[in-house]
């Protein structure tokens, strides 16, 4: 948990970054009608009244409203390494001009006779699914509506807490069509921690490595989470390969041979 002094330091650093280094600020103000500097000043004044979660949520929201995937607030531990998830994935498709949503992947051991890939989702906690995705998309940082929609759809079921607001709800009730019948199923939000063998850490990439990777850090964390949830056998193979290719530890310093 951050102390009062640490909270002030975090906000001061954010103010310095956006006010003095962020060259896109005038453009973002004009495009999105945002004032991140005033929000940061207010947060600094009232930070002691915020809970730990609310403080981080406000910072995430301030940076998200810039609608810039290159400018992010990354949470400290224990949030940083955690990913919240529901044990399935949904994607969209079109039938004519009608936008519809279908389950495309289900975590092994979660599917049953009716809830499986291919079923169509119609409602999310009683909200029509297209509206639920719109609401979630507004919490994402895409610079245009289509980008936010794509990010909002991905975040419906997978949220890396290093860069995402945590779910407000403890569980989700999904309404879906299975054949000719309409059914509901409740899923509780769960969390897991990505381990060192689950892929490189895009947030930790700095220096030359960061330039070489050139990744969308949040999308990469989501990709790693999907792999762990829906293709665990591929993760096991990657771990074994990594173990086989790692150099053996040295037994100690070696003496130089005499010349």
Protein backbone atom coordinates (compact mmCIF):
# COMPACT_ATOMS: atom_id res chain seq x y z
CA UNK A 1 0.00 0.00 0.00
CA UNK A 2 1.31 3.45 -0.94
CA UNK A 3 2.00 5.92 1.83
CA UNK A 4 0.68 9.50 1.66
CA UNK A 5 4.13 10.72 0.56
CA UNK A 6 4.36 8.05 -2.14
CA UNK A 7 0.95 9.02 -3.51
CA UNK A 8 2.03 12.65 -3.72
CA UNK A 9 5.22 11.60 -5.51
CA UNK A 10 3.31 9.51 -8.06
CA UNK A 11 0.95 12.39 -8.85
CA UNK A 12 3.83 14.88 -9.08
CA UNK A 13 5.61 12.61 -11.57
CA UNK A 14 2.44 12.26 -13.63
CA UNK A 15 2.03 16.05 -13.66
CA UNK A 16 5.63 16.55 -14.78
CA UNK A 17 5.28 13.94 -17.51
CA UNK A 18 2.06 15.26 -19.01
CA UNK A 19 2.67 18.99 -18.54
CA UNK A 20 6.31 19.17 -19.66
CA UNK A 21 7.02 16.09 -21.82
CA UNK A 22 3.75 14.98 -23.41
CA UNK A 23 3.78 16.83 -26.74
CA UNK A 24 0.34 15.54 -27.78
CA UNK A 25 -1.51 17.21 -24.90
CA UNK A 26 -2.94 20.15 -26.97
CA UNK A 27 -4.17 17.67 -29.60
CA UNK A 28 -5.73 15.36 -27.02
CA UNK A 29 -7.46 18.28 -25.29
CA UNK A 30 -8.97 19.36 -28.61
CA UNK A 31 -9.94 15.85 -29.75
CA UNK A 32 -11.35 14.46 -26.52
CA UNK A 33 -12.21 17.54 -24.38
CA UNK A 34 -10.06 16.33 -21.46
CA UNK A 35 -8.07 18.17 -18.81
CA UNK A 36 -5.68 15.64 -17.27
CA UNK A 37 -3.63 18.30 -15.48
CA UNK A 38 -6.59 19.64 -13.52
CA UNK A 39 -7.70 16.10 -12.66
CA UNK A 40 -4.18 15.36 -11.38
CA UNK A 41 -4.12 18.55 -9.29
CA UNK A 42 -7.46 17.61 -7.74
CA UNK A 43 -6.23 14.09 -7.11
CA UNK A 44 -3.12 15.44 -5.40
CA UNK A 45 -5.23 17.68 -3.15
CA UNK A 46 -7.64 14.90 -2.16
CA UNK A 47 -5.45 11.79 -2.46
CA UNK A 48 -5.57 11.10 1.29
CA UNK A 49 -9.35 10.63 1.09
CA UNK A 50 -9.10 7.94 -1.62
CA UNK A 51 -8.92 4.25 -0.87
CA UNK A 52 -5.94 2.42 -2.39
CA UNK A 53 -8.07 1.00 -5.18
CA UNK A 54 -9.82 4.30 -5.89
CA UNK A 55 -6.49 6.15 -6.08
CA UNK A 56 -5.12 3.76 -8.71
CA UNK A 57 -8.45 3.71 -10.56
CA UNK A 58 -8.42 7.52 -10.85
CA UNK A 59 -4.88 7.52 -12.25
CA UNK A 60 -5.77 4.82 -14.77
CA UNK A 61 -8.84 6.82 -15.81
CA UNK A 62 -6.80 10.02 -16.25
CA UNK A 63 -4.30 8.31 -18.53
CA UNK A 64 -7.00 6.32 -20.36
CA UNK A 65 -8.85 9.51 -21.27
CA UNK A 66 -5.80 10.64 -23.22
CA UNK A 67 -6.73 7.82 -25.64
CA UNK A 68 -3.07 7.05 -26.26
CA UNK A 69 -1.81 3.46 -26.08
CA UNK A 70 1.77 4.70 -25.63
CA UNK A 71 1.03 6.66 -22.45
CA UNK A 72 -0.05 4.43 -19.60
CA UNK A 73 -0.18 4.24 -15.85
CA UNK A 74 1.18 0.90 -14.65
CA UNK A 75 0.08 -0.22 -11.21
CA UNK A 76 2.52 -1.51 -8.59
CA UNK A 77 2.32 -4.93 -6.96
CA UNK A 78 0.20 -6.77 -6.01
CA UNK A 79 -1.88 -5.56 -8.99
CA UNK A 80 0.93 -5.52 -11.54
CA UNK A 81 1.34 -9.27 -11.99
CA UNK A 82 -2.34 -10.19 -11.68
CA UNK A 83 -4.86 -10.80 -14.45
CA UNK A 84 -8.60 -10.92 -13.80
CA UNK A 85 -10.54 -13.20 -16.10
CA UNK A 86 -13.74 -15.02 -16.91
CA UNK A 87 -13.19 -18.56 -18.25
CA UNK A 88 -14.33 -17.88 -21.81
CA UNK A 89 -13.82 -15.47 -24.69
CA UNK A 90 -16.35 -13.72 -26.90
CA UNK A 91 -15.94 -12.24 -30.38
CA UNK A 92 -18.25 -10.42 -32.73
CA UNK A 93 -19.58 -11.21 -36.16
CA UNK A 94 -22.05 -9.64 -38.56
CA UNK A 95 -25.12 -11.14 -40.13
CA UNK A 96 -26.06 -8.60 -42.74
CA UNK A 97 -25.86 -5.31 -40.85
CA UNK A 98 -26.64 -6.92 -37.51
CA UNK A 99 -23.78 -7.09 -35.02
CA UNK A 100 -23.79 -10.27 -32.94
CA UNK A 101 -21.54 -11.90 -30.34
CA UNK A 102 -20.45 -15.50 -30.01
CA UNK A 103 -18.38 -17.51 -27.54
CA UNK A 104 -15.20 -18.58 -29.35
CA UNK A 105 -13.13 -20.20 -26.58
CA UNK A 106 -13.90 -21.80 -23.23
CA UNK A 107 -11.37 -22.69 -20.55
CA UNK A 108 -10.89 -26.48 -20.38
CA UNK A 109 -13.10 -27.92 -17.66
CA UNK A 110 -15.58 -25.03 -17.80
CA UNK A 111 -17.76 -25.89 -20.78
CA UNK A 112 -20.87 -28.00 -20.43
CA UNK A 113 -23.50 -29.41 -22.76
CA UNK A 114 -24.96 -25.98 -23.53
CA UNK A 115 -22.19 -23.46 -22.79
CA UNK A 116 -19.51 -24.10 -25.39
CA UNK A 117 -17.85 -22.41 -28.38
CA UNK A 118 -20.39 -21.34 -30.96
CA UNK A 119 -23.21 -20.20 -28.68
CA UNK A 120 -24.52 -16.69 -29.16
CA UNK A 121 -24.46 -14.25 -26.22
CA UNK A 122 -27.43 -11.88 -26.04
CA UNK A 123 -27.17 -10.16 -22.63
CA UNK A 124 -24.54 -9.37 -20.01
CA UNK A 125 -25.87 -8.87 -16.47
CA UNK A 126 -29.23 -8.11 -18.05
CA UNK A 127 -27.76 -5.48 -20.40
CA UNK A 128 -28.00 -6.17 -24.17
CA UNK A 129 -24.54 -7.40 -25.11
CA UNK A 130 -23.81 -4.69 -27.69
CA UNK A 131 -24.53 -2.00 -25.07
CA UNK A 132 -22.43 -3.80 -22.45
CA UNK A 133 -19.48 -3.77 -24.85
CA UNK A 134 -20.03 -0.05 -25.52
CA UNK A 135 -19.96 0.72 -21.79
CA UNK A 136 -16.77 -1.28 -21.34
CA UNK A 137 -15.16 0.30 -24.41
CA UNK A 138 -15.47 3.75 -22.86
CA UNK A 139 -13.01 2.60 -20.18
CA UNK A 140 -10.36 1.78 -22.80
CA UNK A 141 -7.66 3.92 -24.39
CA UNK A 142 -8.18 3.44 -28.12
CA UNK A 143 -7.84 6.71 -30.02
CA UNK A 144 -11.04 6.20 -32.05
CA UNK A 145 -14.39 4.47 -31.58
CA UNK A 146 -13.42 1.32 -33.47
CA UNK A 147 -10.20 0.92 -31.50
CA UNK A 148 -12.01 1.43 -28.21
CA UNK A 149 -14.66 -1.06 -29.26
CA UNK A 150 -12.02 -3.71 -30.00
CA UNK A 151 -10.28 -3.09 -26.68
CA UNK A 152 -13.57 -3.04 -24.80
CA UNK A 153 -14.59 -6.37 -26.31
CA UNK A 154 -11.28 -7.99 -25.32
CA UNK A 155 -11.60 -6.61 -21.77
CA UNK A 156 -15.04 -8.13 -21.30
CA UNK A 157 -13.39 -11.35 -20.12
CA UNK A 158 -9.65 -10.66 -19.65
CA UNK A 159 -8.17 -7.68 -17.76
CA UNK A 160 -4.47 -7.38 -16.91
CA UNK A 161 -4.68 -5.44 -13.66
CA UNK A 162 -1.31 -3.79 -14.30
CA UNK A 163 -3.09 -1.50 -16.78
CA UNK A 164 -6.83 -2.07 -16.38
CA UNK A 165 -9.53 -1.02 -14.01
CA UNK A 166 -10.62 -4.08 -12.03
CA UNK A 167 -14.14 -5.41 -12.51
CA UNK A 168 -16.81 -3.59 -10.52
CA UNK A 169 -18.90 -6.73 -10.22
CA UNK A 170 -17.92 -9.93 -8.42
CA UNK A 171 -19.71 -12.13 -10.94
CA UNK A 172 -21.31 -11.91 -14.37
CA UNK A 173 -24.60 -13.46 -15.51
CA UNK A 174 -24.41 -14.36 -19.20
CA UNK A 175 -27.61 -14.87 -21.19
CA UNK A 176 -27.09 -16.97 -24.30
CA UNK A 177 -28.93 -18.96 -26.94
CA UNK A 178 -28.30 -22.69 -27.04
CA UNK A 179 -30.17 -24.14 -29.97
CA UNK A 180 -33.77 -22.97 -29.68
CA UNK A 181 -33.61 -22.23 -25.95
CA UNK A 182 -32.41 -19.19 -24.00
CA UNK A 183 -30.26 -19.95 -20.95
CA UNK A 184 -28.31 -18.11 -18.27
CA UNK A 185 -25.09 -18.96 -16.50
CA UNK A 186 -23.25 -17.16 -13.76
CA UNK A 187 -19.45 -16.81 -13.79
CA UNK A 188 -17.35 -15.39 -10.97
CA UNK A 189 -14.37 -13.20 -11.78
CA UNK A 190 -11.12 -15.00 -10.98
CA UNK A 191 -7.46 -13.99 -11.07
CA UNK A 192 -4.10 -15.58 -11.77
CA UNK A 193 -0.49 -14.49 -11.84
CA UNK A 194 1.64 -14.76 -14.96
CA UNK A 195 4.82 -16.57 -14.07
CA UNK A 196 8.33 -16.08 -15.51
CA UNK A 197 7.84 -19.02 -17.88
CA UNK A 198 4.61 -17.69 -19.38
CA UNK A 199 6.26 -15.29 -21.83
CA UNK A 200 8.31 -12.09 -21.81
CA UNK A 201 7.06 -9.18 -19.74
CA UNK A 202 6.24 -6.30 -22.12
CA UNK A 203 5.93 -3.86 -19.22
CA UNK A 204 9.46 -4.64 -18.03
CA UNK A 205 11.02 -4.17 -21.48
CA UNK A 206 13.32 -1.13 -21.35
CA UNK A 207 16.23 0.31 -23.28
CA UNK A 208 17.08 -1.29 -26.62
CA UNK A 209 14.79 -4.25 -25.93
CA UNK A 210 11.79 -1.95 -25.62
CA UNK A 211 12.54 -0.38 -29.01
CA UNK A 212 13.02 -3.76 -30.67
CA UNK A 213 9.81 -5.25 -29.29
CA UNK A 214 7.57 -2.32 -30.20
CA UNK A 215 4.57 -4.01 -28.57
CA UNK A 216 1.18 -2.90 -27.43
CA UNK A 217 1.89 -3.90 -23.83
CA UNK A 218 -1.72 -4.41 -22.76
CA UNK A 219 -2.61 -6.44 -25.85
CA UNK A 220 0.47 -8.60 -25.29
CA UNK A 221 -0.53 -9.28 -21.68
CA UNK A 222 -4.01 -10.23 -22.90
CA UNK A 223 -2.51 -12.56 -25.52
CA UNK A 224 -0.38 -14.31 -22.91
CA UNK A 225 -3.42 -14.68 -20.66
CA UNK A 226 -5.48 -16.22 -23.47
CA UNK A 227 -2.69 -18.69 -24.19
CA UNK A 228 -2.51 -19.73 -20.54
CA UNK A 229 -6.29 -20.06 -20.22
CA UNK A 230 -7.22 -21.70 -23.50
CA UNK A 231 -4.04 -23.45 -24.66
CA UNK A 232 -2.23 -24.59 -21.48
CA UNK A 233 -0.49 -27.38 -23.38
CA UNK A 234 1.27 -24.77 -25.53
CA UNK A 235 2.46 -22.99 -22.38
CA UNK A 236 3.86 -26.27 -21.01
CA UNK A 237 5.77 -26.85 -24.26
CA UNK A 238 7.19 -23.32 -24.17
CA UNK A 239 8.34 -23.78 -20.58
CA UNK A 240 10.11 -27.05 -21.41
CA UNK A 241 11.83 -25.49 -24.41
CA UNK A 242 12.95 -22.54 -22.28
CA UNK A 243 14.37 -24.88 -19.63
CA UNK A 244 16.27 -26.85 -22.26
CA UNK A 245 17.77 -23.77 -23.87
CA UNK A 246 18.80 -21.98 -20.68
CA UNK A 247 22.57 -22.24 -20.02
CA UNK A 248 23.59 -24.55 -17.22
CA UNK A 249 24.64 -22.71 -14.04
CA UNK A 250 28.35 -22.37 -13.54
CA UNK A 251 29.87 -24.54 -10.81
CA UNK A 252 32.22 -21.74 -9.78
CA UNK A 253 35.00 -19.51 -11.09
CA UNK A 254 37.38 -21.11 -13.56
CA UNK A 255 41.12 -20.75 -13.19
CA UNK A 256 42.95 -19.41 -16.20
CA UNK A 257 45.39 -21.79 -17.79
CA UNK A 258 49.00 -20.75 -17.47
CA UNK A 259 50.44 -19.20 -20.58
